[in-house]
Amino acid sequence: MTPAVRISIRVKRRASRTRVLRADGLSIEASLAAPPVDGAANAELIALLASVLAVSKSSLRLVLGDTSKNKVVEVTNLSADEVTTRLIAAIR
């Protein structure tokens, strides 16, 4: 079984659209259209990462930063190389 991979994320909330802005290895910057109210931004971040990484939402877990702009998300079922490749492909 592949060990979990952690992604460091800097979030820009209330953006015009949701997308990955920058990827540098396992560190990314993402913009989210959802406001930081009642976990809406966190839910949108998980949905964005699930789409970008082509994994189910249950494969992702917010580990740190529930109420912060700086977050850490844990990904299961993918290697660090696969995660990095998919994140970089998302910004093109």
N, C-alpha and C. Protein backbone atom coordinates (compact mmCIF):
# COMPACT_ATOMS: atom_id res chain seq x y z
N MET A 1 0.83 -1.19 0.00
CA MET A 1 0.00 0.00 0.00
C MET A 1 0.88 1.25 0.00
N THR A 2 0.50 2.24 -0.78
CA THR A 2 1.24 3.48 -0.89
C THR A 2 0.98 4.34 0.35
N PRO A 3 2.04 4.88 0.96
CA PRO A 3 1.82 5.76 2.12
C PRO A 3 1.14 7.06 1.69
N ALA A 4 0.50 7.71 2.64
CA ALA A 4 -0.20 8.96 2.34
C ALA A 4 0.81 10.05 1.98
N VAL A 5 0.39 10.93 1.08
CA VAL A 5 1.21 12.06 0.63
C VAL A 5 0.54 13.33 1.13
N ARG A 6 1.33 14.25 1.65
CA ARG A 6 0.78 15.51 2.14
C ARG A 6 1.11 16.65 1.19
N ILE A 7 0.09 17.46 0.88
CA ILE A 7 0.23 18.61 0.00
C ILE A 7 0.04 19.87 0.84
N SER A 8 0.99 20.80 0.75
CA SER A 8 0.87 22.10 1.40
C SER A 8 0.17 23.05 0.44
N ILE A 9 -0.84 23.75 0.93
CA ILE A 9 -1.66 24.58 0.06
C ILE A 9 -1.81 25.98 0.65
N ARG A 10 -1.62 26.98 -0.19
CA ARG A 10 -1.93 28.37 0.16
C ARG A 10 -3.19 28.71 -0.63
N VAL A 11 -4.24 29.11 0.07
CA VAL A 11 -5.55 29.32 -0.54
C VAL A 11 -5.87 30.80 -0.66
N LYS A 12 -6.41 31.18 -1.81
CA LYS A 12 -6.97 32.51 -2.02
C LYS A 12 -8.48 32.32 -2.14
N ARG A 13 -9.22 32.78 -1.15
CA ARG A 13 -10.67 32.57 -1.13
C ARG A 13 -11.39 33.73 -1.79
N ARG A 14 -12.65 33.49 -2.16
CA ARG A 14 -13.51 34.46 -2.83
C ARG A 14 -12.92 34.96 -4.15
N ALA A 15 -12.29 34.06 -4.87
CA ALA A 15 -11.73 34.38 -6.18
C ALA A 15 -12.83 34.30 -7.24
N SER A 16 -12.52 34.75 -8.43
CA SER A 16 -13.51 34.71 -9.50
C SER A 16 -13.78 33.28 -9.98
N ARG A 17 -12.79 32.39 -9.87
CA ARG A 17 -13.00 31.00 -10.24
C ARG A 17 -12.09 30.08 -9.44
N THR A 18 -12.46 28.83 -9.38
CA THR A 18 -11.71 27.84 -8.61
C THR A 18 -10.72 27.14 -9.52
N ARG A 19 -9.43 27.18 -9.12
CA ARG A 19 -8.39 26.52 -9.93
C ARG A 19 -7.07 26.47 -9.17
N VAL A 20 -6.15 25.67 -9.68
CA VAL A 20 -4.79 25.62 -9.15
C VAL A 20 -4.01 26.71 -9.87
N LEU A 21 -3.40 27.61 -9.10
CA LEU A 21 -2.66 28.73 -9.68
C LEU A 21 -1.19 28.40 -9.92
N ARG A 22 -0.60 27.69 -8.97
CA ARG A 22 0.84 27.42 -9.01
C ARG A 22 1.10 26.08 -8.33
N ALA A 23 2.04 25.34 -8.86
CA ALA A 23 2.45 24.07 -8.25
C ALA A 23 3.96 23.98 -8.25
N ASP A 24 4.52 23.70 -7.08
CA ASP A 24 5.96 23.52 -6.93
C ASP A 24 6.17 22.27 -6.09
N GLY A 25 6.27 21.15 -6.76
CA GLY A 25 6.37 19.88 -6.04
C GLY A 25 5.06 19.60 -5.32
N LEU A 26 5.13 19.40 -4.02
CA LEU A 26 3.94 19.12 -3.22
C LEU A 26 3.43 20.37 -2.51
N SER A 27 3.77 21.51 -3.04
CA SER A 27 3.29 22.79 -2.52
C SER A 27 2.55 23.51 -3.64
N ILE A 28 1.29 23.92 -3.36
CA ILE A 28 0.52 24.58 -4.40
C ILE A 28 -0.15 25.84 -3.87
N GLU A 29 -0.59 26.66 -4.81
CA GLU A 29 -1.43 27.81 -4.50
C GLU A 29 -2.71 27.63 -5.30
N ALA A 30 -3.85 27.80 -4.63
CA ALA A 30 -5.13 27.59 -5.29
C ALA A 30 -6.06 28.75 -5.01
N SER A 31 -6.90 29.08 -5.99
CA SER A 31 -7.93 30.09 -5.78
C SER A 31 -9.27 29.36 -5.68
N LEU A 32 -10.10 29.83 -4.76
CA LEU A 32 -11.40 29.20 -4.53
C LEU A 32 -12.49 30.26 -4.61
N ALA A 33 -13.53 29.97 -5.36
CA ALA A 33 -14.63 30.92 -5.50
C ALA A 33 -15.52 30.94 -4.25
N ALA A 34 -15.51 29.88 -3.49
CA ALA A 34 -16.37 29.78 -2.31
C ALA A 34 -15.88 30.69 -1.18
N PRO A 35 -16.81 31.27 -0.42
CA PRO A 35 -16.42 32.07 0.74
C PRO A 35 -16.00 31.16 1.90
N PRO A 36 -15.19 31.68 2.81
CA PRO A 36 -14.74 30.86 3.95
C PRO A 36 -15.80 30.81 5.05
N VAL A 37 -16.99 30.35 4.71
CA VAL A 37 -18.10 30.31 5.66
C VAL A 37 -18.63 28.88 5.76
N ASP A 38 -18.80 28.39 6.97
CA ASP A 38 -19.36 27.06 7.22
C ASP A 38 -18.64 25.95 6.45
N GLY A 39 -17.34 26.07 6.26
CA GLY A 39 -16.57 25.03 5.60
C GLY A 39 -16.73 24.96 4.09
N ALA A 40 -17.39 25.96 3.49
CA ALA A 40 -17.62 25.93 2.04
C ALA A 40 -16.31 25.95 1.25
N ALA A 41 -15.36 26.76 1.69
CA ALA A 41 -14.07 26.84 0.98
C ALA A 41 -13.30 25.52 1.11
N ASN A 42 -13.34 24.91 2.29
CA ASN A 42 -12.65 23.63 2.47
C ASN A 42 -13.28 22.54 1.60
N ALA A 43 -14.60 22.52 1.53
CA ALA A 43 -15.29 21.54 0.69
C ALA A 43 -14.95 21.75 -0.78
N GLU A 44 -14.87 23.01 -1.19
CA GLU A 44 -14.52 23.30 -2.59
C GLU A 44 -13.07 22.92 -2.88
N LEU A 45 -12.18 23.12 -1.92
CA LEU A 45 -10.79 22.72 -2.09
C LEU A 45 -10.68 21.21 -2.27
N ILE A 46 -11.38 20.45 -1.45
CA ILE A 46 -11.35 18.99 -1.57
C ILE A 46 -11.91 18.56 -2.93
N ALA A 47 -12.99 19.19 -3.37
CA ALA A 47 -13.57 18.87 -4.68
C ALA A 47 -12.59 19.20 -5.81
N LEU A 48 -11.91 20.33 -5.71
CA LEU A 48 -10.91 20.72 -6.72
C LEU A 48 -9.79 19.69 -6.78
N LEU A 49 -9.25 19.34 -5.62
CA LEU A 49 -8.14 18.38 -5.60
C LEU A 49 -8.58 17.01 -6.09
N ALA A 50 -9.79 16.58 -5.74
CA ALA A 50 -10.29 15.29 -6.22
C ALA A 50 -10.36 15.29 -7.75
N SER A 51 -10.80 16.40 -8.32
CA SER A 51 -10.90 16.51 -9.77
C SER A 51 -9.51 16.53 -10.42
N VAL A 52 -8.62 17.35 -9.89
CA VAL A 52 -7.27 17.50 -10.45
C VAL A 52 -6.47 16.20 -10.34
N LEU A 53 -6.58 15.54 -9.20
CA LEU A 53 -5.79 14.33 -8.96
C LEU A 53 -6.49 13.06 -9.46
N ALA A 54 -7.73 13.19 -9.91
CA ALA A 54 -8.53 12.05 -10.39
C ALA A 54 -8.64 10.96 -9.32
N VAL A 55 -9.00 11.38 -8.12
CA VAL A 55 -9.24 10.46 -7.01
C VAL A 55 -10.60 10.79 -6.40
N SER A 56 -11.10 9.91 -5.56
CA SER A 56 -12.36 10.18 -4.88
C SER A 56 -12.13 11.16 -3.73
N LYS A 57 -13.16 11.86 -3.34
CA LYS A 57 -13.06 12.79 -2.22
C LYS A 57 -12.66 12.07 -0.93
N SER A 58 -13.05 10.81 -0.81
CA SER A 58 -12.70 10.05 0.39
C SER A 58 -11.21 9.72 0.48
N SER A 59 -10.47 9.90 -0.62
CA SER A 59 -9.03 9.69 -0.63
C SER A 59 -8.27 10.93 -0.15
N LEU A 60 -9.01 12.00 0.13
CA LEU A 60 -8.41 13.26 0.56
C LEU A 60 -8.89 13.59 1.97
N ARG A 61 -7.96 14.15 2.77
CA ARG A 61 -8.32 14.53 4.13
C ARG A 61 -7.60 15.82 4.50
N LEU A 62 -8.35 16.81 4.97
CA LEU A 62 -7.77 18.06 5.44
C LEU A 62 -7.14 17.78 6.80
N VAL A 63 -5.81 17.89 6.88
CA VAL A 63 -5.08 17.55 8.09
C VAL A 63 -4.86 18.79 8.96
N LEU A 64 -4.49 19.89 8.34
CA LEU A 64 -4.21 21.14 9.05
C LEU A 64 -4.83 22.32 8.31
N GLY A 65 -5.19 23.36 9.06
CA GLY A 65 -5.62 24.60 8.44
C GLY A 65 -7.10 24.73 8.20
N ASP A 66 -7.91 24.14 9.05
CA ASP A 66 -9.36 24.19 8.86
C ASP A 66 -9.87 25.62 8.71
N THR A 67 -9.30 26.55 9.45
CA THR A 67 -9.76 27.95 9.38
C THR A 67 -8.66 28.89 8.90
N SER A 68 -7.63 28.36 8.30
CA SER A 68 -6.48 29.16 7.86
C SER A 68 -6.37 29.19 6.34
N LYS A 69 -5.61 30.15 5.83
CA LYS A 69 -5.32 30.20 4.39
C LYS A 69 -4.28 29.15 4.01
N ASN A 70 -3.47 28.74 4.98
CA ASN A 70 -2.45 27.71 4.76
C ASN A 70 -3.00 26.38 5.24
N LYS A 71 -3.03 25.41 4.35
CA LYS A 71 -3.66 24.13 4.64
C LYS A 71 -2.73 22.98 4.26
N VAL A 72 -2.98 21.84 4.86
CA VAL A 72 -2.28 20.60 4.49
C VAL A 72 -3.35 19.55 4.25
N VAL A 73 -3.30 18.95 3.06
CA VAL A 73 -4.24 17.89 2.69
C VAL A 73 -3.46 16.61 2.47
N GLU A 74 -3.98 15.53 3.01
CA GLU A 74 -3.36 14.23 2.86
C GLU A 74 -4.07 13.45 1.76
N VAL A 75 -3.28 12.84 0.88
CA VAL A 75 -3.80 12.07 -0.26
C VAL A 75 -3.39 10.62 -0.09
N THR A 76 -4.36 9.72 -0.20
CA THR A 76 -4.03 8.29 -0.16
C THR A 76 -4.22 7.71 -1.55
N ASN A 77 -3.61 6.58 -1.78
CA ASN A 77 -3.74 5.81 -3.04
C ASN A 77 -2.96 6.38 -4.21
N LEU A 78 -2.12 7.39 -3.99
CA LEU A 78 -1.25 7.91 -5.05
C LEU A 78 0.15 8.10 -4.48
N SER A 79 1.16 7.93 -5.33
CA SER A 79 2.54 8.19 -4.91
C SER A 79 2.82 9.69 -4.99
N ALA A 80 3.89 10.13 -4.37
CA ALA A 80 4.27 11.54 -4.41
C ALA A 80 4.54 11.99 -5.84
N ASP A 81 5.16 11.12 -6.64
CA ASP A 81 5.44 11.45 -8.04
C ASP A 81 4.16 11.64 -8.84
N GLU A 82 3.18 10.77 -8.63
CA GLU A 82 1.90 10.89 -9.34
C GLU A 82 1.18 12.18 -8.95
N VAL A 83 1.19 12.49 -7.66
CA VAL A 83 0.54 13.72 -7.18
C VAL A 83 1.20 14.94 -7.80
N THR A 84 2.52 14.99 -7.78
CA THR A 84 3.26 16.12 -8.34
C THR A 84 2.96 16.28 -9.83
N THR A 85 2.99 15.19 -10.58
CA THR A 85 2.72 15.23 -12.02
C THR A 85 1.33 15.76 -12.31
N ARG A 86 0.34 15.29 -11.58
CA ARG A 86 -1.04 15.70 -11.81
C ARG A 86 -1.28 17.16 -11.40
N LEU A 87 -0.62 17.60 -10.33
CA LEU A 87 -0.77 19.01 -9.92
C LEU A 87 -0.16 19.95 -10.96
N ILE A 88 1.00 19.61 -11.47
CA ILE A 88 1.65 20.45 -12.49
C ILE A 88 0.82 20.46 -13.77
N ALA A 89 0.25 19.33 -14.14
CA ALA A 89 -0.59 19.26 -15.35
C ALA A 89 -1.84 20.12 -15.20
N ALA A 90 -2.30 20.33 -13.99
CA ALA A 90 -3.54 21.09 -13.75
C ALA A 90 -3.38 22.58 -14.04
N ILE A 91 -2.16 23.09 -14.02
CA ILE A 91 -1.98 24.53 -14.24
C ILE A 91 -1.72 24.86 -15.70
N ARG A 92 -1.63 23.89 -16.54
CA ARG A 92 -1.38 24.14 -17.96
C ARG A 92 -2.66 24.35 -18.71
